[in-house]
Amino acid sequence: MNWDQIEGKWKEIKGNAKAKWGELTDDELDEIDGNREALEGKIQAKYGKSKEEAKREVDEWLNS
């Protein structure tokens, strides 16, 4: 699945993101609204990860 598909189906997919990154709140997931950079930024902030680590996690999640 590519990121354009995720953006279009964010309401359906955000549960999968919540399962992967449980510390993200429903409000934060609503705020992200399918924006990859916003998701990576929230992962960085919540989990103390570097930009590269957050990007890698999102890539892995996208390919799973």
Protein backbone atom coordinates (compact mmCIF):
# COMPACT_ATOMS: atom_id res chain seq x y z
CA MET A 1 0.00 0.00 0.00
CA ASN A 2 1.36 3.42 -0.83
CA TRP A 3 0.99 6.55 1.26
CA ASP A 4 -1.69 8.09 -1.01
CA GLN A 5 -3.89 5.07 -0.25
CA ILE A 6 -3.25 5.48 3.47
CA GLU A 7 -4.21 9.15 3.34
CA GLY A 8 -7.45 8.28 1.60
CA LYS A 9 -8.31 5.52 4.05
CA TRP A 10 -6.92 7.08 7.24
CA LYS A 11 -10.13 6.69 9.23
CA GLU A 12 -10.06 2.95 8.50
CA ILE A 13 -6.31 2.53 8.99
CA LYS A 14 -5.74 4.63 12.11
CA GLY A 15 -6.70 1.64 14.28
CA ASN A 16 -3.69 -0.19 12.88
CA ALA A 17 -1.51 2.80 13.70
CA LYS A 18 -2.95 2.84 17.24
CA ALA A 19 -2.08 -0.87 17.60
CA LYS A 20 1.50 -0.20 16.44
CA TRP A 21 2.05 3.00 18.43
CA GLY A 22 -0.21 2.62 21.46
CA GLU A 23 0.97 5.80 23.14
CA LEU A 24 -0.61 7.93 20.40
CA THR A 25 -4.02 9.15 21.48
CA ASP A 26 -7.15 9.07 19.36
CA ASP A 27 -7.03 12.87 19.22
CA GLU A 28 -3.45 12.80 17.96
CA LEU A 29 -4.36 10.23 15.33
CA ASP A 30 -7.28 12.42 14.24
CA GLU A 31 -4.91 15.39 14.10
CA ILE A 32 -2.43 13.43 11.95
CA ASP A 33 -5.26 12.75 9.48
CA GLY A 34 -3.10 10.64 7.18
CA ASN A 35 -0.17 13.06 7.04
CA ARG A 36 3.01 10.99 7.07
CA GLU A 37 5.26 13.78 8.36
CA ALA A 38 2.83 14.47 11.20
CA LEU A 39 2.81 10.77 12.11
CA GLU A 40 6.60 10.62 12.10
CA GLY A 41 6.75 13.78 14.23
CA LYS A 42 4.33 12.36 16.81
CA ILE A 43 6.33 9.12 16.96
CA GLN A 44 9.51 11.13 17.53
CA ALA A 45 7.90 13.17 20.31
CA LYS A 46 6.12 10.31 22.09
CA TYR A 47 8.86 7.70 21.86
CA GLY A 48 12.00 9.86 21.84
CA LYS A 49 13.12 8.49 18.50
CA SER A 50 15.27 10.18 15.90
CA LYS A 51 13.76 11.33 12.64
CA GLU A 52 15.42 8.42 10.86
CA GLU A 53 14.09 5.87 13.37
CA ALA A 54 10.56 7.23 13.08
CA LYS A 55 10.75 7.16 9.28
CA ARG A 56 12.03 3.57 9.35
CA GLU A 57 9.20 2.49 11.68
CA VAL A 58 6.60 4.09 9.41
CA ASP A 59 8.18 2.40 6.38
CA GLU A 60 8.09 -0.98 8.13
CA TRP A 61 4.46 -0.44 9.19
CA LEU A 62 3.54 0.59 5.66
CA ASN A 63 5.09 -2.57 4.22
CA SER A 64 3.48 -4.93 6.73
